[in-house]
Amino acid sequence: MGVTSDGALIIKHLSVCEQVFYQPRQGELQEITLTQNSNEMYYEALEFAKLYQQRQINHKGLKYSVISSELLTEIRKQIHVKFPADND
């Protein structure tokens, strides 16, 4: 929940923004949920495609993606997790 001087935002399942409500300090709870794509990775893929088309290879978000990917790969390696695609 985020609080401002005017009210608060209440977000159910923050990672997917399942439902979003605004609670003004004076007034009734209002649902302000927007329809989301059923694929949770849709918006990330859309942003990636935009950056690729614009040839923004040094975008700061890409640096974090590489770090995350390297970290997850190392974790999987250390705990011996293999996916079917790893055999390719």
N, C-alpha and C. Protein backbone atom coordinates (compact mmCIF):
# COMPACT_ATOMS: atom_id res chain seq x y z
N MET A 1 0.85 -1.17 0.00
CA MET A 1 0.00 0.00 0.00
C MET A 1 0.89 1.23 0.00
N GLY A 2 0.61 2.19 -0.89
CA GLY A 2 1.34 3.46 -0.92
C GLY A 2 0.46 4.55 -0.33
N VAL A 3 1.03 5.38 0.54
CA VAL A 3 0.25 6.42 1.20
C VAL A 3 0.77 7.79 0.77
N THR A 4 -0.15 8.69 0.43
CA THR A 4 0.18 10.08 0.12
C THR A 4 -0.63 10.95 1.07
N SER A 5 -0.47 12.26 0.94
CA SER A 5 -1.25 13.15 1.80
C SER A 5 -2.72 13.14 1.41
N ASP A 6 -3.01 12.68 0.19
CA ASP A 6 -4.40 12.67 -0.28
C ASP A 6 -5.11 11.34 -0.08
N GLY A 7 -4.34 10.26 0.11
CA GLY A 7 -4.97 8.96 0.25
C GLY A 7 -3.95 7.85 0.09
N ALA A 8 -4.43 6.67 -0.26
CA ALA A 8 -3.56 5.50 -0.38
C ALA A 8 -3.93 4.67 -1.60
N LEU A 9 -2.91 4.02 -2.18
CA LEU A 9 -3.13 3.03 -3.23
C LEU A 9 -3.02 1.66 -2.58
N ILE A 10 -3.95 0.79 -2.92
CA ILE A 10 -3.94 -0.58 -2.42
C ILE A 10 -3.85 -1.48 -3.65
N ILE A 11 -2.78 -2.28 -3.71
CA ILE A 11 -2.54 -3.12 -4.89
C ILE A 11 -2.52 -4.58 -4.45
N LYS A 12 -3.46 -5.37 -5.00
CA LYS A 12 -3.53 -6.79 -4.71
C LYS A 12 -2.56 -7.51 -5.64
N HIS A 13 -1.65 -8.30 -5.07
CA HIS A 13 -0.62 -9.01 -5.83
C HIS A 13 0.19 -8.03 -6.67
N LEU A 14 1.03 -7.29 -6.00
CA LEU A 14 1.81 -6.21 -6.60
C LEU A 14 2.52 -6.61 -7.88
N SER A 15 3.09 -7.80 -7.94
CA SER A 15 3.87 -8.20 -9.11
C SER A 15 3.04 -8.29 -10.38
N VAL A 16 1.74 -8.47 -10.25
CA VAL A 16 0.88 -8.55 -11.44
C VAL A 16 -0.24 -7.50 -11.43
N CYS A 17 -0.27 -6.67 -10.41
CA CYS A 17 -1.31 -5.63 -10.28
C CYS A 17 -2.70 -6.20 -10.55
N GLU A 18 -3.02 -7.25 -9.84
CA GLU A 18 -4.30 -7.94 -10.05
C GLU A 18 -5.48 -7.00 -9.88
N GLN A 19 -5.48 -6.24 -8.81
CA GLN A 19 -6.51 -5.23 -8.58
C GLN A 19 -5.83 -4.02 -7.93
N VAL A 20 -6.29 -2.82 -8.33
CA VAL A 20 -5.73 -1.59 -7.77
C VAL A 20 -6.88 -0.73 -7.27
N PHE A 21 -6.74 -0.23 -6.06
CA PHE A 21 -7.76 0.61 -5.46
C PHE A 21 -7.14 1.91 -4.98
N TYR A 22 -7.92 2.97 -4.99
CA TYR A 22 -7.51 4.25 -4.41
C TYR A 22 -8.44 4.54 -3.25
N GLN A 23 -7.86 4.78 -2.09
CA GLN A 23 -8.63 5.12 -0.90
C GLN A 23 -8.30 6.56 -0.51
N PRO A 24 -9.16 7.52 -0.91
CA PRO A 24 -8.90 8.90 -0.49
C PRO A 24 -9.08 9.03 1.02
N ARG A 25 -8.39 10.00 1.60
CA ARG A 25 -8.53 10.22 3.06
C ARG A 25 -9.98 10.53 3.41
N GLN A 26 -10.62 11.28 2.56
CA GLN A 26 -12.03 11.62 2.77
C GLN A 26 -12.81 11.06 1.58
N GLY A 27 -13.45 9.94 1.74
CA GLY A 27 -14.25 9.39 0.65
C GLY A 27 -14.21 7.88 0.61
N GLU A 28 -14.88 7.36 -0.41
CA GLU A 28 -15.03 5.92 -0.54
C GLU A 28 -13.91 5.29 -1.35
N LEU A 29 -13.66 4.03 -1.07
CA LEU A 29 -12.68 3.24 -1.81
C LEU A 29 -13.11 3.17 -3.27
N GLN A 30 -12.16 3.42 -4.19
CA GLN A 30 -12.45 3.39 -5.62
C GLN A 30 -11.55 2.37 -6.30
N GLU A 31 -12.13 1.46 -7.09
CA GLU A 31 -11.30 0.53 -7.85
C GLU A 31 -10.82 1.24 -9.11
N ILE A 32 -9.51 1.20 -9.36
CA ILE A 32 -8.94 1.86 -10.54
C ILE A 32 -8.14 0.85 -11.38
N THR A 33 -8.48 -0.42 -11.28
CA THR A 33 -7.79 -1.48 -12.01
C THR A 33 -7.94 -1.29 -13.51
N LEU A 34 -6.83 -1.49 -14.23
CA LEU A 34 -6.85 -1.50 -15.69
C LEU A 34 -6.70 -2.94 -16.15
N THR A 35 -7.32 -3.27 -17.26
CA THR A 35 -7.22 -4.62 -17.80
C THR A 35 -5.77 -4.91 -18.16
N GLN A 36 -5.28 -6.05 -17.69
CA GLN A 36 -3.91 -6.46 -17.95
C GLN A 36 -3.89 -7.63 -18.93
N ASN A 37 -2.81 -7.75 -19.68
CA ASN A 37 -2.64 -8.89 -20.56
C ASN A 37 -2.50 -10.15 -19.71
N SER A 38 -3.05 -11.26 -20.16
CA SER A 38 -3.00 -12.49 -19.36
C SER A 38 -1.58 -13.05 -19.24
N ASN A 39 -0.72 -12.73 -20.19
CA ASN A 39 0.68 -13.15 -20.11
C ASN A 39 1.43 -12.12 -19.29
N GLU A 40 1.91 -12.51 -18.13
CA GLU A 40 2.57 -11.58 -17.22
C GLU A 40 3.85 -10.98 -17.80
N MET A 41 4.45 -11.63 -18.79
CA MET A 41 5.69 -11.13 -19.38
C MET A 41 5.44 -10.26 -20.62
N TYR A 42 4.18 -10.03 -20.97
CA TYR A 42 3.83 -9.27 -22.17
C TYR A 42 4.48 -7.89 -22.20
N TYR A 43 4.38 -7.16 -21.11
CA TYR A 43 4.86 -5.79 -21.09
C TYR A 43 6.38 -5.73 -21.14
N GLU A 44 7.05 -6.69 -20.51
CA GLU A 44 8.50 -6.75 -20.60
C GLU A 44 8.93 -7.06 -22.03
N ALA A 45 8.25 -7.99 -22.68
CA ALA A 45 8.57 -8.33 -24.08
C ALA A 45 8.31 -7.14 -24.99
N LEU A 46 7.24 -6.43 -24.76
CA LEU A 46 6.92 -5.24 -25.56
C LEU A 46 8.02 -4.18 -25.42
N GLU A 47 8.46 -3.95 -24.20
CA GLU A 47 9.54 -2.97 -23.96
C GLU A 47 10.84 -3.43 -24.60
N PHE A 48 11.13 -4.72 -24.50
CA PHE A 48 12.34 -5.26 -25.13
C PHE A 48 12.29 -5.06 -26.64
N ALA A 49 11.15 -5.35 -27.26
CA ALA A 49 11.01 -5.18 -28.70
C ALA A 49 11.20 -3.72 -29.10
N LYS A 50 10.65 -2.80 -28.30
CA LYS A 50 10.80 -1.37 -28.58
C LYS A 50 12.27 -0.97 -28.52
N LEU A 51 12.96 -1.39 -27.47
CA LEU A 51 14.38 -1.07 -27.33
C LEU A 51 15.20 -1.66 -28.48
N TYR A 52 14.86 -2.87 -28.88
CA TYR A 52 15.56 -3.53 -29.99
C TYR A 52 15.35 -2.75 -31.29
N GLN A 53 14.11 -2.39 -31.56
CA GLN A 53 13.81 -1.64 -32.79
C GLN A 53 14.51 -0.29 -32.80
N GLN A 54 14.65 0.34 -31.66
CA GLN A 54 15.32 1.63 -31.57
C GLN A 54 16.83 1.49 -31.42
N ARG A 55 17.30 0.24 -31.41
CA ARG A 55 18.72 -0.07 -31.28
C ARG A 55 19.35 0.57 -30.03
N GLN A 56 18.58 0.57 -28.95
CA GLN A 56 19.07 1.11 -27.68
C GLN A 56 19.78 0.00 -26.91
N ILE A 57 20.99 -0.31 -27.36
CA ILE A 57 21.71 -1.44 -26.75
C ILE A 57 22.35 -1.09 -25.41
N ASN A 58 22.42 0.17 -25.07
CA ASN A 58 23.02 0.55 -23.79
C ASN A 58 21.98 1.05 -22.79
N HIS A 59 20.74 0.67 -22.97
CA HIS A 59 19.68 1.07 -22.06
C HIS A 59 19.99 0.52 -20.67
N LYS A 60 19.81 1.33 -19.61
CA LYS A 60 20.18 0.90 -18.25
C LYS A 60 19.44 -0.35 -17.80
N GLY A 61 18.21 -0.55 -18.27
CA GLY A 61 17.46 -1.74 -17.89
C GLY A 61 18.09 -3.02 -18.41
N LEU A 62 18.76 -2.94 -19.56
CA LEU A 62 19.39 -4.13 -20.13
C LEU A 62 20.55 -4.60 -19.26
N LYS A 63 21.26 -3.67 -18.66
CA LYS A 63 22.36 -4.03 -17.76
C LYS A 63 21.83 -4.89 -16.62
N TYR A 64 20.69 -4.49 -16.06
CA TYR A 64 20.11 -5.26 -14.95
C TYR A 64 19.60 -6.61 -15.42
N SER A 65 19.12 -6.68 -16.65
CA SER A 65 18.67 -7.97 -17.20
C SER A 65 19.84 -8.94 -17.32
N VAL A 66 20.97 -8.44 -17.80
CA VAL A 66 22.16 -9.29 -17.95
C VAL A 66 22.64 -9.76 -16.59
N ILE A 67 22.70 -8.87 -15.62
CA ILE A 67 23.13 -9.24 -14.27
C ILE A 67 22.19 -10.29 -13.69
N SER A 68 20.88 -10.09 -13.84
CA SER A 68 19.90 -11.05 -13.32
C SER A 68 20.05 -12.41 -14.00
N SER A 69 20.21 -12.39 -15.30
CA SER A 69 20.37 -13.64 -16.05
C SER A 69 21.62 -14.40 -15.62
N GLU A 70 22.73 -13.67 -15.49
CA GLU A 70 23.98 -14.31 -15.04
C GLU A 70 23.84 -14.88 -13.64
N LEU A 71 23.20 -14.15 -12.76
CA LEU A 71 23.00 -14.60 -11.39
C LEU A 71 22.13 -15.85 -11.34
N LEU A 72 21.02 -15.83 -12.04
CA LEU A 72 20.12 -16.99 -12.05
C LEU A 72 20.79 -18.21 -12.68
N THR A 73 21.57 -17.99 -13.73
CA THR A 73 22.30 -19.09 -14.37
C THR A 73 23.29 -19.71 -13.40
N GLU A 74 24.01 -18.86 -12.65
CA GLU A 74 24.98 -19.37 -11.67
C GLU A 74 24.27 -20.12 -10.54
N ILE A 75 23.15 -19.61 -10.07
CA ILE A 75 22.39 -20.30 -9.02
C ILE A 75 21.94 -21.66 -9.51
N ARG A 76 21.38 -21.70 -10.72
CA ARG A 76 20.93 -22.99 -11.28
C ARG A 76 22.10 -23.96 -11.40
N LYS A 77 23.26 -23.46 -11.83
CA LYS A 77 24.45 -24.30 -11.98
C LYS A 77 24.86 -24.88 -10.63
N GLN A 78 24.88 -24.04 -9.59
CA GLN A 78 25.33 -24.48 -8.27
C GLN A 78 24.38 -25.47 -7.61
N ILE A 79 23.08 -25.36 -7.90
CA ILE A 79 22.12 -26.28 -7.28
C ILE A 79 21.68 -27.38 -8.24
N HIS A 80 22.38 -27.45 -9.39
CA HIS A 80 22.18 -28.52 -10.38
C HIS A 80 20.77 -28.58 -10.96
N VAL A 81 20.22 -27.44 -11.28
CA VAL A 81 18.91 -27.39 -11.94
C VAL A 81 19.15 -27.31 -13.44
N LYS A 82 18.55 -28.24 -14.19
CA LYS A 82 18.68 -28.23 -15.65
C LYS A 82 17.29 -28.20 -16.26
N PHE A 83 17.16 -27.38 -17.29
CA PHE A 83 15.93 -27.33 -18.08
C PHE A 83 16.15 -28.09 -19.37
N PRO A 84 15.08 -28.58 -20.01
CA PRO A 84 15.24 -29.31 -21.27
C PRO A 84 16.03 -28.52 -22.32
N ALA A 85 15.87 -27.22 -22.36
CA ALA A 85 16.57 -26.41 -23.36
C ALA A 85 18.08 -26.34 -23.09
N ASP A 86 18.52 -26.70 -21.89
CA ASP A 86 19.94 -26.67 -21.56
C ASP A 86 20.73 -27.71 -22.34
N ASN A 87 20.05 -28.71 -22.87
CA ASN A 87 20.74 -29.78 -23.60
C ASN A 87 21.05 -29.38 -25.04
N ASP A 88 20.52 -28.26 -25.49
CA ASP A 88 20.77 -27.85 -26.87
C ASP A 88 22.17 -27.31 -27.06
